[in-house]
Amino acid sequence: MRAWLAALLLAAAPAWAAPFAVQLGGTRLGLDAPPGYADTGFTGSPRLQEMGESLTSASNKILLFAISDGDLRAFSQGDTPLYRRYMIIVTPRDLVDQQVSTAQFTQFVADALRGVGPAAPDKNYPAYLDAQPAGQAALLAELHHGTTMVSVLQGTRLPPVRQPGMIERLFDKKEPPRYAISTTTLLLLKGKALSLSVFSGYDSADDVAWIEATTRRWVADLERLNRN
């Protein structure tokens, strides 16, 4: 069965990065993942569906959940994907059939970012995250704030993989801190309120540069795809 699934997915490889359309009420939106990533919807995998659902509230409808081409290839071959970087697009279920006005979008943004604290004082993000509770998302920077798009960068210090045992405590060994970063971009596109999130592990400033550039390019590509 696994070999059959792998063959099926590999045969579909040329379509992994192909744009596709979704119908939201009377509006047809074109969606696509950034280069090097592919929507997982065509796989029909309950495991990938559950992973996507874990990233958002049940009140949201998932329009796209994408993982890297390498992770998709590993998954199709029965290997363990890294899942270091992935992305999702959702829209509120109660707004699926509505044409969202700019006033409604402003409220959508306020609801989505309610409780988000002040941004980090500088770009020494590891030091800032070390001062936050493990597992709690913290605002690192506001990337864009406009009438039809708001984008923020957030980070999290991940909880330890395991609790230290007697040996670790005896020699005062501590697990190195681990971090994750994400962008959330709230976008009004053809009268639809979308939330785009990009997730990445965080080891260096290169990861921040990658996630910011990928977010900007993804938004620009989606706007270009839906220009007409």
N, C-alpha and C. Protein backbone atom coordinates (compact mmCIF):
# COMPACT_ATOMS: atom_id res chain seq x y z
N MET A 1 0.84 -1.20 0.00
CA MET A 1 0.00 0.00 0.00
C MET A 1 0.88 1.26 0.00
N ARG A 2 1.94 1.23 0.85
CA ARG A 2 2.83 2.37 0.92
C ARG A 2 3.52 2.59 -0.42
N ALA A 3 3.96 1.54 -1.08
CA ALA A 3 4.62 1.67 -2.38
C ALA A 3 3.66 2.24 -3.42
N TRP A 4 2.40 1.80 -3.35
CA TRP A 4 1.42 2.32 -4.30
C TRP A 4 1.20 3.80 -4.09
N LEU A 5 1.11 4.23 -2.80
CA LEU A 5 0.91 5.64 -2.51
C LEU A 5 2.10 6.46 -2.97
N ALA A 6 3.31 5.96 -2.72
CA ALA A 6 4.51 6.67 -3.15
C ALA A 6 4.53 6.85 -4.65
N ALA A 7 4.20 5.79 -5.38
CA ALA A 7 4.19 5.87 -6.85
C ALA A 7 3.15 6.89 -7.33
N LEU A 8 1.99 6.90 -6.65
CA LEU A 8 0.94 7.84 -7.05
C LEU A 8 1.36 9.28 -6.83
N LEU A 9 1.97 9.55 -5.67
CA LEU A 9 2.38 10.92 -5.36
C LEU A 9 3.53 11.36 -6.25
N LEU A 10 4.46 10.47 -6.50
CA LEU A 10 5.58 10.84 -7.37
C LEU A 10 5.12 11.09 -8.79
N ALA A 11 4.11 10.34 -9.22
CA ALA A 11 3.57 10.58 -10.56
C ALA A 11 2.90 11.94 -10.65
N ALA A 12 2.38 12.42 -9.51
CA ALA A 12 1.70 13.72 -9.49
C ALA A 12 2.66 14.87 -9.23
N ALA A 13 3.97 14.58 -9.14
CA ALA A 13 4.95 15.60 -8.78
C ALA A 13 4.87 16.87 -9.61
N PRO A 14 4.67 16.82 -10.93
CA PRO A 14 4.60 18.06 -11.70
C PRO A 14 3.48 18.97 -11.25
N ALA A 15 2.44 18.42 -10.61
CA ALA A 15 1.31 19.25 -10.20
C ALA A 15 1.45 19.75 -8.78
N TRP A 16 2.51 19.36 -8.07
CA TRP A 16 2.66 19.76 -6.68
C TRP A 16 2.59 21.27 -6.51
N ALA A 17 3.27 22.00 -7.38
CA ALA A 17 3.37 23.45 -7.22
C ALA A 17 2.38 24.21 -8.10
N ALA A 18 1.41 23.52 -8.67
CA ALA A 18 0.49 24.19 -9.58
C ALA A 18 -0.53 25.02 -8.83
N PRO A 19 -0.86 26.23 -9.33
CA PRO A 19 -1.93 27.02 -8.72
C PRO A 19 -3.26 26.28 -8.83
N PHE A 20 -4.17 26.59 -7.91
CA PHE A 20 -5.49 25.99 -7.96
C PHE A 20 -6.51 27.02 -7.50
N ALA A 21 -7.79 26.75 -7.73
CA ALA A 21 -8.85 27.71 -7.41
C ALA A 21 -9.73 27.18 -6.28
N VAL A 22 -10.22 28.09 -5.45
CA VAL A 22 -11.21 27.77 -4.43
C VAL A 22 -12.38 28.73 -4.59
N GLN A 23 -13.56 28.23 -4.31
CA GLN A 23 -14.77 29.05 -4.42
C GLN A 23 -15.22 29.42 -3.02
N LEU A 24 -15.27 30.72 -2.74
CA LEU A 24 -15.74 31.23 -1.46
C LEU A 24 -16.95 32.10 -1.72
N GLY A 25 -18.14 31.55 -1.48
CA GLY A 25 -19.35 32.28 -1.85
C GLY A 25 -19.38 32.49 -3.34
N GLY A 26 -19.55 33.74 -3.74
CA GLY A 26 -19.57 34.04 -5.17
C GLY A 26 -18.22 34.42 -5.73
N THR A 27 -17.18 34.26 -4.96
CA THR A 27 -15.83 34.68 -5.37
C THR A 27 -14.93 33.48 -5.60
N ARG A 28 -14.23 33.51 -6.70
CA ARG A 28 -13.27 32.45 -7.03
C ARG A 28 -11.87 32.99 -6.81
N LEU A 29 -11.13 32.36 -5.90
CA LEU A 29 -9.77 32.79 -5.60
C LEU A 29 -8.75 31.81 -6.16
N GLY A 30 -7.68 32.34 -6.70
CA GLY A 30 -6.56 31.51 -7.12
C GLY A 30 -5.54 31.44 -5.99
N LEU A 31 -5.10 30.24 -5.65
CA LEU A 31 -4.13 30.05 -4.57
C LEU A 31 -2.94 29.26 -5.08
N ASP A 32 -1.83 29.46 -4.42
CA ASP A 32 -0.61 28.72 -4.76
C ASP A 32 0.33 28.80 -3.56
N ALA A 33 1.20 27.83 -3.43
CA ALA A 33 2.23 27.86 -2.40
C ALA A 33 3.49 28.50 -2.98
N PRO A 34 4.37 29.00 -2.14
CA PRO A 34 5.63 29.55 -2.64
C PRO A 34 6.45 28.48 -3.35
N PRO A 35 7.40 28.89 -4.18
CA PRO A 35 8.27 27.91 -4.86
C PRO A 35 8.96 27.00 -3.85
N GLY A 36 8.99 25.71 -4.17
CA GLY A 36 9.62 24.75 -3.28
C GLY A 36 8.67 24.15 -2.26
N TYR A 37 7.40 24.56 -2.32
CA TYR A 37 6.39 24.06 -1.37
C TYR A 37 5.15 23.64 -2.15
N ALA A 38 4.38 22.75 -1.56
CA ALA A 38 3.22 22.20 -2.27
C ALA A 38 2.06 22.02 -1.31
N ASP A 39 0.87 22.35 -1.80
CA ASP A 39 -0.35 22.10 -1.02
C ASP A 39 -0.53 20.60 -0.81
N THR A 40 -0.96 20.22 0.40
CA THR A 40 -1.10 18.80 0.73
C THR A 40 -2.51 18.27 0.50
N GLY A 41 -3.43 19.12 0.09
CA GLY A 41 -4.83 18.70 -0.01
C GLY A 41 -5.03 17.53 -0.95
N PHE A 42 -4.22 17.47 -2.02
CA PHE A 42 -4.45 16.41 -3.02
C PHE A 42 -4.07 15.03 -2.50
N THR A 43 -3.28 14.97 -1.40
CA THR A 43 -2.84 13.66 -0.90
C THR A 43 -3.97 12.89 -0.23
N GLY A 44 -4.95 13.61 0.35
CA GLY A 44 -6.03 12.95 1.07
C GLY A 44 -5.55 12.30 2.36
N SER A 45 -4.38 12.69 2.85
CA SER A 45 -3.81 12.06 4.04
C SER A 45 -4.44 12.60 5.33
N PRO A 46 -5.06 11.73 6.15
CA PRO A 46 -5.60 12.19 7.43
C PRO A 46 -4.52 12.78 8.34
N ARG A 47 -3.30 12.21 8.26
CA ARG A 47 -2.22 12.71 9.12
C ARG A 47 -1.85 14.15 8.77
N LEU A 48 -1.73 14.45 7.47
CA LEU A 48 -1.42 15.81 7.06
C LEU A 48 -2.59 16.74 7.33
N GLN A 49 -3.81 16.23 7.17
CA GLN A 49 -4.99 17.04 7.48
C GLN A 49 -5.01 17.42 8.95
N GLU A 50 -4.70 16.47 9.82
CA GLU A 50 -4.68 16.74 11.26
C GLU A 50 -3.58 17.75 11.61
N MET A 51 -2.45 17.64 10.94
CA MET A 51 -1.37 18.59 11.19
C MET A 51 -1.80 20.00 10.82
N GLY A 52 -2.45 20.15 9.67
CA GLY A 52 -2.95 21.46 9.27
C GLY A 52 -3.98 22.00 10.25
N GLU A 53 -4.89 21.14 10.68
CA GLU A 53 -5.94 21.56 11.61
C GLU A 53 -5.37 21.98 12.96
N SER A 54 -4.22 21.41 13.34
CA SER A 54 -3.62 21.76 14.62
C SER A 54 -3.05 23.18 14.63
N LEU A 55 -2.92 23.78 13.44
CA LEU A 55 -2.31 25.10 13.33
C LEU A 55 -3.32 26.23 13.42
N THR A 56 -4.60 25.91 13.45
CA THR A 56 -5.60 26.97 13.42
C THR A 56 -6.83 26.57 14.21
N SER A 57 -7.70 27.53 14.42
CA SER A 57 -8.93 27.29 15.18
C SER A 57 -9.95 26.55 14.31
N ALA A 58 -10.84 25.80 14.99
CA ALA A 58 -11.90 25.10 14.27
C ALA A 58 -12.87 26.09 13.62
N SER A 59 -12.84 27.36 14.04
CA SER A 59 -13.71 28.37 13.45
C SER A 59 -13.19 28.85 12.09
N ASN A 60 -12.01 28.37 11.69
CA ASN A 60 -11.44 28.75 10.41
C ASN A 60 -11.52 27.60 9.41
N LYS A 61 -11.67 27.96 8.16
CA LYS A 61 -11.66 26.99 7.07
C LYS A 61 -10.28 27.01 6.43
N ILE A 62 -9.65 25.84 6.35
CA ILE A 62 -8.33 25.74 5.74
C ILE A 62 -8.47 25.74 4.22
N LEU A 63 -7.76 26.65 3.58
CA LEU A 63 -7.78 26.74 2.12
C LEU A 63 -6.53 26.11 1.50
N LEU A 64 -5.43 26.16 2.24
CA LEU A 64 -4.17 25.59 1.75
C LEU A 64 -3.30 25.26 2.95
N PHE A 65 -2.74 24.07 2.95
CA PHE A 65 -1.70 23.71 3.92
C PHE A 65 -0.56 23.11 3.13
N ALA A 66 0.58 23.78 3.14
CA ALA A 66 1.69 23.39 2.28
C ALA A 66 2.91 23.02 3.09
N ILE A 67 3.61 21.99 2.64
CA ILE A 67 4.89 21.60 3.20
C ILE A 67 5.91 21.61 2.07
N SER A 68 7.19 21.49 2.43
CA SER A 68 8.23 21.57 1.40
C SER A 68 8.14 20.36 0.48
N ASP A 69 8.63 20.54 -0.73
CA ASP A 69 8.66 19.43 -1.69
C ASP A 69 9.44 18.26 -1.12
N GLY A 70 10.53 18.57 -0.40
CA GLY A 70 11.32 17.50 0.19
C GLY A 70 10.56 16.72 1.25
N ASP A 71 9.79 17.44 2.09
CA ASP A 71 8.99 16.77 3.11
C ASP A 71 7.88 15.94 2.47
N LEU A 72 7.28 16.46 1.40
CA LEU A 72 6.22 15.72 0.73
C LEU A 72 6.78 14.45 0.09
N ARG A 73 7.98 14.56 -0.46
CA ARG A 73 8.62 13.40 -1.08
C ARG A 73 8.94 12.35 -0.01
N ALA A 74 9.47 12.81 1.14
CA ALA A 74 9.77 11.88 2.23
C ALA A 74 8.50 11.21 2.74
N PHE A 75 7.43 11.99 2.89
CA PHE A 75 6.16 11.44 3.36
C PHE A 75 5.64 10.39 2.39
N SER A 76 5.74 10.68 1.10
CA SER A 76 5.21 9.74 0.10
C SER A 76 6.00 8.44 0.05
N GLN A 77 7.26 8.49 0.48
CA GLN A 77 8.11 7.30 0.44
C GLN A 77 8.15 6.58 1.79
N GLY A 78 7.35 7.06 2.75
CA GLY A 78 7.30 6.41 4.05
C GLY A 78 8.41 6.80 4.99
N ASP A 79 9.21 7.82 4.61
CA ASP A 79 10.26 8.32 5.49
C ASP A 79 9.70 9.38 6.41
N THR A 80 10.50 9.82 7.38
CA THR A 80 10.04 10.83 8.34
C THR A 80 10.40 12.22 7.83
N PRO A 81 9.41 13.06 7.50
CA PRO A 81 9.69 14.43 7.06
C PRO A 81 10.26 15.27 8.20
N LEU A 82 10.99 16.32 7.87
CA LEU A 82 11.55 17.21 8.88
C LEU A 82 10.51 18.19 9.41
N TYR A 83 9.61 18.64 8.54
CA TYR A 83 8.59 19.62 8.90
C TYR A 83 9.21 20.84 9.58
N ARG A 84 10.33 21.33 9.07
CA ARG A 84 10.97 22.50 9.67
C ARG A 84 10.31 23.79 9.20
N ARG A 85 9.78 23.77 7.98
CA ARG A 85 9.11 24.95 7.43
C ARG A 85 7.83 24.51 6.72
N TYR A 86 6.77 25.25 6.94
CA TYR A 86 5.48 24.95 6.32
C TYR A 86 4.60 26.19 6.40
N MET A 87 3.45 26.14 5.77
CA MET A 87 2.60 27.34 5.68
C MET A 87 1.14 26.96 5.50
N ILE A 88 0.27 27.92 5.82
CA ILE A 88 -1.17 27.65 5.78
C ILE A 88 -1.92 28.92 5.42
N ILE A 89 -3.04 28.77 4.71
CA ILE A 89 -3.98 29.86 4.47
C ILE A 89 -5.33 29.43 5.00
N VAL A 90 -5.96 30.30 5.81
CA VAL A 90 -7.29 30.02 6.33
C VAL A 90 -8.17 31.24 6.15
N THR A 91 -9.47 31.03 6.30
CA THR A 91 -10.43 32.13 6.31
C THR A 91 -11.51 31.82 7.33
N PRO A 92 -12.06 32.82 8.02
CA PRO A 92 -13.11 32.54 9.01
C PRO A 92 -14.33 31.91 8.34
N ARG A 93 -14.84 30.86 8.95
CA ARG A 93 -15.99 30.17 8.38
C ARG A 93 -17.20 31.09 8.29
N ASP A 94 -17.35 32.00 9.25
CA ASP A 94 -18.54 32.86 9.23
C ASP A 94 -18.44 33.98 8.20
N LEU A 95 -17.27 34.08 7.52
CA LEU A 95 -17.12 35.11 6.48
C LEU A 95 -16.97 34.50 5.09
N VAL A 96 -17.09 33.17 4.99
CA VAL A 96 -16.87 32.50 3.70
C VAL A 96 -17.78 33.05 2.62
N ASP A 97 -19.03 33.26 2.93
CA ASP A 97 -20.00 33.68 1.91
C ASP A 97 -20.16 35.19 1.82
N GLN A 98 -19.43 35.94 2.62
CA GLN A 98 -19.60 37.39 2.66
C GLN A 98 -18.54 38.11 1.84
N GLN A 99 -18.92 39.27 1.30
CA GLN A 99 -17.94 40.19 0.74
C GLN A 99 -17.53 41.10 1.88
N VAL A 100 -16.29 41.02 2.25
CA VAL A 100 -15.80 41.72 3.45
C VAL A 100 -15.41 43.16 3.10
N SER A 101 -15.99 44.11 3.83
CA SER A 101 -15.66 45.52 3.63
C SER A 101 -14.36 45.84 4.37
N THR A 102 -13.81 47.03 4.10
CA THR A 102 -12.59 47.42 4.80
C THR A 102 -12.85 47.59 6.29
N ALA A 103 -14.07 48.04 6.66
CA ALA A 103 -14.41 48.16 8.07
C ALA A 103 -14.45 46.79 8.74
N GLN A 104 -15.03 45.81 8.06
CA GLN A 104 -15.06 44.44 8.59
C GLN A 104 -13.65 43.86 8.68
N PHE A 105 -12.82 44.19 7.69
CA PHE A 105 -11.45 43.70 7.71
C PHE A 105 -10.68 44.29 8.89
N THR A 106 -10.92 45.57 9.16
CA THR A 106 -10.27 46.20 10.32
C THR A 106 -10.64 45.48 11.61
N GLN A 107 -11.91 45.10 11.74
CA GLN A 107 -12.35 44.36 12.92
C GLN A 107 -11.73 42.96 12.94
N PHE A 108 -11.64 42.35 11.78
CA PHE A 108 -11.00 41.03 11.65
C PHE A 108 -9.56 41.09 12.14
N VAL A 109 -8.84 42.14 11.77
CA VAL A 109 -7.46 42.31 12.22
C VAL A 109 -7.40 42.50 13.73
N ALA A 110 -8.30 43.35 14.24
CA ALA A 110 -8.30 43.61 15.69
C ALA A 110 -8.57 42.33 16.47
N ASP A 111 -9.51 41.52 15.99
CA ASP A 111 -9.82 40.25 16.66
C ASP A 111 -8.65 39.29 16.60
N ALA A 112 -8.01 39.22 15.44
CA ALA A 112 -6.92 38.26 15.25
C ALA A 112 -5.69 38.62 16.08
N LEU A 113 -5.45 39.90 16.28
CA LEU A 113 -4.23 40.34 16.98
C LEU A 113 -4.51 40.78 18.41
N ARG A 114 -5.72 40.53 18.89
CA ARG A 114 -6.04 40.91 20.27
C ARG A 114 -5.14 40.15 21.24
N GLY A 115 -4.60 40.87 22.19
CA GLY A 115 -3.74 40.25 23.19
C GLY A 115 -2.28 40.16 22.80
N VAL A 116 -1.95 40.55 21.57
CA VAL A 116 -0.55 40.56 21.15
C VAL A 116 0.15 41.72 21.85
N GLY A 117 1.22 41.44 22.52
CA GLY A 117 1.92 42.47 23.29
C GLY A 117 2.82 43.33 22.43
N PRO A 118 3.64 44.15 23.08
CA PRO A 118 4.57 45.02 22.33
C PRO A 118 5.64 44.20 21.62
N ALA A 119 6.18 44.79 20.57
CA ALA A 119 7.22 44.11 19.79
C ALA A 119 8.53 44.09 20.57
N ALA A 120 9.41 43.21 20.16
CA ALA A 120 10.74 43.13 20.77
C ALA A 120 11.45 44.48 20.59
N PRO A 121 12.24 44.90 21.57
CA PRO A 121 12.90 46.21 21.48
C PRO A 121 13.98 46.29 20.41
N ASP A 122 14.54 45.14 20.02
CA ASP A 122 15.59 45.12 18.99
C ASP A 122 15.58 43.75 18.32
N LYS A 123 16.56 43.50 17.49
CA LYS A 123 16.59 42.24 16.73
C LYS A 123 17.37 41.13 17.43
N ASN A 124 17.68 41.33 18.70
CA ASN A 124 18.27 40.25 19.48
C ASN A 124 17.13 39.36 19.97
N TYR A 125 16.52 38.66 19.01
CA TYR A 125 15.30 37.91 19.31
C TYR A 125 15.52 36.76 20.30
N PRO A 126 16.63 36.01 20.23
CA PRO A 126 16.81 34.94 21.21
C PRO A 126 16.79 35.45 22.65
N ALA A 127 17.45 36.58 22.91
CA ALA A 127 17.46 37.13 24.27
C ALA A 127 16.05 37.52 24.69
N TYR A 128 15.30 38.09 23.77
CA TYR A 128 13.92 38.49 24.08
C TYR A 128 13.05 37.27 24.36
N LEU A 129 13.20 36.22 23.54
CA LEU A 129 12.39 35.01 23.74
C LEU A 129 12.79 34.26 25.00
N ASP A 130 14.05 34.35 25.37
CA ASP A 130 14.49 33.70 26.61
C ASP A 130 13.80 34.28 27.83
N ALA A 131 13.37 35.54 27.71
CA ALA A 131 12.70 36.20 28.84
C ALA A 131 11.20 35.92 28.86
N GLN A 132 10.69 35.22 27.83
CA GLN A 132 9.26 34.91 27.75
C GLN A 132 9.02 33.48 28.24
N PRO A 133 7.79 33.18 28.68
CA PRO A 133 7.48 31.80 29.07
C PRO A 133 7.63 30.85 27.88
N ALA A 134 8.18 29.68 28.13
CA ALA A 134 8.34 28.69 27.07
C ALA A 134 6.98 28.32 26.49
N GLY A 135 6.92 28.23 25.16
CA GLY A 135 5.68 27.86 24.49
C GLY A 135 4.74 29.00 24.22
N GLN A 136 5.06 30.19 24.69
CA GLN A 136 4.17 31.34 24.49
C GLN A 136 4.67 32.20 23.34
N ALA A 137 3.78 32.47 22.38
CA ALA A 137 4.15 33.29 21.23
C ALA A 137 4.36 34.74 21.66
N ALA A 138 5.38 35.37 21.11
CA ALA A 138 5.68 36.76 21.42
C ALA A 138 5.87 37.53 20.12
N LEU A 139 5.40 38.77 20.10
CA LEU A 139 5.55 39.61 18.92
C LEU A 139 7.00 40.07 18.81
N LEU A 140 7.60 39.82 17.65
CA LEU A 140 8.97 40.26 17.41
C LEU A 140 9.01 41.56 16.62
N ALA A 141 8.17 41.67 15.60
CA ALA A 141 8.18 42.88 14.77
C ALA A 141 6.89 42.97 13.97
N GLU A 142 6.49 44.20 13.67
CA GLU A 142 5.39 44.43 12.73
C GLU A 142 6.02 44.66 11.36
N LEU A 143 5.65 43.83 10.41
CA LEU A 143 6.27 43.90 9.08
C LEU A 143 5.53 44.83 8.13
N HIS A 144 4.22 44.93 8.30
CA HIS A 144 3.43 45.81 7.42
C HIS A 144 2.11 46.12 8.11
N HIS A 145 1.64 47.34 7.95
CA HIS A 145 0.33 47.71 8.49
C HIS A 145 -0.35 48.65 7.50
N GLY A 146 -1.33 48.12 6.77
CA GLY A 146 -2.07 48.92 5.81
C GLY A 146 -3.56 48.64 5.92
N THR A 147 -4.34 49.25 5.04
CA THR A 147 -5.80 49.09 5.12
C THR A 147 -6.27 47.73 4.64
N THR A 148 -5.48 47.07 3.79
CA THR A 148 -5.89 45.76 3.27
C THR A 148 -4.89 44.65 3.61
N MET A 149 -3.84 44.97 4.35
CA MET A 149 -2.88 43.95 4.75
C MET A 149 -2.16 44.36 6.03
N VAL A 150 -2.09 43.43 6.96
CA VAL A 150 -1.30 43.59 8.18
C VAL A 150 -0.47 42.33 8.35
N SER A 151 0.82 42.50 8.61
CA SER A 151 1.70 41.35 8.71
C SER A 151 2.62 41.52 9.92
N VAL A 152 2.75 40.46 10.72
CA VAL A 152 3.60 40.51 11.91
C VAL A 152 4.51 39.29 11.95
N LEU A 153 5.63 39.45 12.64
CA LEU A 153 6.58 38.37 12.89
C LEU A 153 6.50 38.01 14.37
N GLN A 154 6.32 36.73 14.66
CA GLN A 154 6.26 36.25 16.03
C GLN A 154 7.29 35.16 16.26
N GLY A 155 7.61 34.93 17.52
CA GLY A 155 8.56 33.89 17.87
C GLY A 155 8.16 33.18 19.14
N THR A 156 8.71 32.01 19.34
CA THR A 156 8.41 31.19 20.51
C THR A 156 9.67 30.45 20.96
N ARG A 157 9.91 30.43 22.27
CA ARG A 157 10.94 29.54 22.82
C ARG A 157 10.25 28.22 23.12
N LEU A 158 10.72 27.17 22.47
CA LEU A 158 10.05 25.89 22.59
C LEU A 158 10.34 25.23 23.93
N PRO A 159 9.37 24.51 24.48
CA PRO A 159 9.61 23.78 25.73
C PRO A 159 10.68 22.72 25.53
N PRO A 160 11.38 22.33 26.60
CA PRO A 160 12.39 21.28 26.48
C PRO A 160 11.76 19.98 25.97
N VAL A 161 12.56 19.22 25.22
CA VAL A 161 12.07 17.96 24.70
C VAL A 161 11.80 16.98 25.83
N ARG A 162 12.65 17.01 26.84
CA ARG A 162 12.46 16.13 27.98
C ARG A 162 12.95 16.83 29.24
N GLN A 163 12.47 16.40 30.37
CA GLN A 163 12.90 16.96 31.64
C GLN A 163 14.29 16.42 31.98
N PRO A 164 15.15 17.23 32.58
CA PRO A 164 16.50 16.76 32.92
C PRO A 164 16.46 15.66 33.97
N GLY A 165 17.27 14.62 33.76
CA GLY A 165 17.35 13.53 34.73
C GLY A 165 18.43 13.80 35.76
N MET A 166 18.71 12.78 36.56
CA MET A 166 19.67 12.96 37.65
C MET A 166 21.05 13.31 37.13
N ILE A 167 21.48 12.63 36.04
CA ILE A 167 22.81 12.90 35.49
C ILE A 167 22.92 14.34 35.01
N GLU A 168 21.89 14.79 34.30
CA GLU A 168 21.90 16.16 33.79
C GLU A 168 21.95 17.17 34.92
N ARG A 169 21.17 16.90 35.99
CA ARG A 169 21.15 17.82 37.12
C ARG A 169 22.49 17.79 37.86
N LEU A 170 23.08 16.59 37.96
CA LEU A 170 24.35 16.44 38.67
C LEU A 170 25.45 17.27 38.00
N PHE A 171 25.49 17.23 36.69
CA PHE A 171 26.54 17.95 35.97
C PHE A 171 26.06 19.29 35.43
N ASP A 172 24.88 19.69 35.89
CA ASP A 172 24.31 20.99 35.50
C ASP A 172 24.23 21.13 33.97
N LYS A 173 23.87 20.03 33.32
CA LYS A 173 23.73 20.07 31.87
C LYS A 173 22.33 20.57 31.50
N LYS A 174 22.28 21.50 30.60
CA LYS A 174 21.01 22.04 30.17
C LYS A 174 20.84 21.87 28.68
N GLU A 175 19.63 21.58 28.28
CA GLU A 175 19.35 21.47 26.86
C GLU A 175 19.44 22.86 26.22
N PRO A 176 20.13 23.00 25.10
CA PRO A 176 20.20 24.31 24.44
C PRO A 176 18.79 24.79 24.09
N PRO A 177 18.55 26.08 24.21
CA PRO A 177 17.21 26.59 23.87
C PRO A 177 16.89 26.38 22.40
N ARG A 178 15.64 26.11 22.13
CA ARG A 178 15.17 25.94 20.76
C ARG A 178 14.07 26.97 20.51
N TYR A 179 14.07 27.53 19.30
CA TYR A 179 13.13 28.58 18.98
C TYR A 179 12.39 28.27 17.66
N ALA A 180 11.23 28.86 17.52
CA ALA A 180 10.48 28.80 16.26
C ALA A 180 9.97 30.20 15.97
N ILE A 181 9.87 30.53 14.71
CA ILE A 181 9.33 31.83 14.30
C ILE A 181 8.21 31.61 13.29
N SER A 182 7.36 32.62 13.17
CA SER A 182 6.26 32.54 12.20
C SER A 182 5.86 33.95 11.81
N THR A 183 5.29 34.06 10.63
CA THR A 183 4.64 35.31 10.22
C THR A 183 3.15 35.04 10.10
N THR A 184 2.37 36.02 10.50
CA THR A 184 0.93 36.00 10.26
C THR A 184 0.58 37.22 9.43
N THR A 185 -0.01 36.99 8.28
CA THR A 185 -0.39 38.07 7.38
C THR A 185 -1.89 38.02 7.15
N LEU A 186 -2.56 39.08 7.55
CA LEU A 186 -4.01 39.20 7.37
C LEU A 186 -4.24 40.04 6.12
N LEU A 187 -4.95 39.44 5.15
CA LEU A 187 -5.03 40.01 3.82
C LEU A 187 -6.47 40.09 3.34
N LEU A 188 -6.86 41.25 2.82
CA LEU A 188 -8.17 41.41 2.18
C LEU A 188 -7.95 41.26 0.68
N LEU A 189 -8.43 40.14 0.14
CA LEU A 189 -8.17 39.80 -1.26
C LEU A 189 -9.48 39.51 -1.97
N LYS A 190 -9.81 40.34 -2.95
CA LYS A 190 -11.06 40.20 -3.71
C LYS A 190 -12.27 40.10 -2.77
N GLY A 191 -12.26 40.91 -1.71
CA GLY A 191 -13.39 40.93 -0.79
C GLY A 191 -13.42 39.77 0.18
N LYS A 192 -12.33 39.03 0.33
CA LYS A 192 -12.25 37.89 1.25
C LYS A 192 -11.14 38.13 2.27
N ALA A 193 -11.44 37.81 3.52
CA ALA A 193 -10.48 37.97 4.60
C ALA A 193 -9.68 36.69 4.75
N LEU A 194 -8.39 36.78 4.50
CA LEU A 194 -7.51 35.61 4.57
C LEU A 194 -6.46 35.80 5.66
N SER A 195 -6.05 34.70 6.25
CA SER A 195 -4.93 34.71 7.18
C SER A 195 -3.88 33.74 6.66
N LEU A 196 -2.70 34.27 6.33
CA LEU A 196 -1.60 33.47 5.82
C LEU A 196 -0.55 33.35 6.93
N SER A 197 -0.11 32.15 7.21
CA SER A 197 0.93 31.95 8.21
C SER A 197 2.06 31.12 7.62
N VAL A 198 3.29 31.56 7.88
CA VAL A 198 4.48 30.83 7.48
C VAL A 198 5.25 30.47 8.75
N PHE A 199 5.67 29.22 8.88
CA PHE A 199 6.33 28.73 10.08
C PHE A 199 7.74 28.26 9.74
N SER A 200 8.67 28.48 10.66
CA SER A 200 10.04 28.02 10.45
C SER A 200 10.72 27.79 11.79
N GLY A 201 11.65 26.84 11.80
CA GLY A 201 12.57 26.76 12.92
C GLY A 201 13.44 28.00 12.91
N TYR A 202 14.04 28.32 14.05
CA TYR A 202 14.85 29.53 14.15
C TYR A 202 16.20 29.19 14.79
N ASP A 203 17.22 29.19 13.95
CA ASP A 203 18.58 28.94 14.42
C ASP A 203 19.49 30.15 14.27
N SER A 204 19.14 31.03 13.32
CA SER A 204 20.01 32.18 13.07
C SER A 204 19.20 33.28 12.38
N ALA A 205 19.87 34.41 12.16
CA ALA A 205 19.22 35.53 11.46
C ALA A 205 18.83 35.15 10.04
N ASP A 206 19.49 34.14 9.47
CA ASP A 206 19.13 33.69 8.11
C ASP A 206 17.69 33.20 8.07
N ASP A 207 17.21 32.57 9.15
CA ASP A 207 15.83 32.09 9.18
C ASP A 207 14.85 33.25 9.20
N VAL A 208 15.21 34.33 9.88
CA VAL A 208 14.36 35.53 9.90
C VAL A 208 14.31 36.14 8.51
N ALA A 209 15.48 36.26 7.87
CA ALA A 209 15.52 36.81 6.51
C ALA A 209 14.70 35.96 5.56
N TRP A 210 14.80 34.63 5.69
CA TRP A 210 14.04 33.74 4.81
C TRP A 210 12.55 33.91 5.01
N ILE A 211 12.09 33.93 6.25
CA ILE A 211 10.64 33.96 6.48
C ILE A 211 10.04 35.30 6.06
N GLU A 212 10.78 36.39 6.26
CA GLU A 212 10.27 37.69 5.84
C GLU A 212 10.22 37.79 4.32
N ALA A 213 11.27 37.33 3.63
CA ALA A 213 11.30 37.38 2.17
C ALA A 213 10.23 36.46 1.58
N THR A 214 10.07 35.28 2.15
CA THR A 214 9.07 34.33 1.65
C THR A 214 7.66 34.88 1.82
N THR A 215 7.41 35.52 2.96
CA THR A 215 6.09 36.10 3.20
C THR A 215 5.80 37.20 2.20
N ARG A 216 6.75 38.10 1.99
CA ARG A 216 6.53 39.19 1.03
C ARG A 216 6.28 38.64 -0.37
N ARG A 217 7.08 37.69 -0.78
CA ARG A 217 6.94 37.14 -2.14
C ARG A 217 5.62 36.40 -2.28
N TRP A 218 5.22 35.65 -1.26
CA TRP A 218 3.98 34.88 -1.32
C TRP A 218 2.78 35.80 -1.47
N VAL A 219 2.75 36.86 -0.66
CA VAL A 219 1.63 37.81 -0.75
C VAL A 219 1.60 38.45 -2.14
N ALA A 220 2.75 38.88 -2.64
CA ALA A 220 2.80 39.49 -3.97
C ALA A 220 2.33 38.52 -5.05
N ASP A 221 2.73 37.26 -4.95
CA ASP A 221 2.31 36.26 -5.94
C ASP A 221 0.79 36.03 -5.89
N LEU A 222 0.22 35.97 -4.67
CA LEU A 222 -1.22 35.78 -4.55
C LEU A 222 -2.00 36.97 -5.08
N GLU A 223 -1.49 38.17 -4.82
CA GLU A 223 -2.17 39.36 -5.35
C GLU A 223 -2.09 39.37 -6.87
N ARG A 224 -0.96 38.99 -7.43
CA ARG A 224 -0.82 38.95 -8.88
C ARG A 224 -1.73 37.85 -9.48
N LEU A 225 -1.83 36.73 -8.80
CA LEU A 225 -2.66 35.63 -9.27
C LEU A 225 -4.14 36.00 -9.30
N ASN A 226 -4.54 36.93 -8.44
CA ASN A 226 -5.95 37.31 -8.32
C ASN A 226 -6.22 38.72 -8.82
N ARG A 227 -5.36 39.21 -9.67
CA ARG A 227 -5.48 40.58 -10.14
C ARG A 227 -6.73 40.78 -10.98
N ASN A 228 -7.13 39.78 -11.75
CA ASN A 228 -8.29 39.91 -12.64
C ASN A 228 -9.52 39.24 -12.04
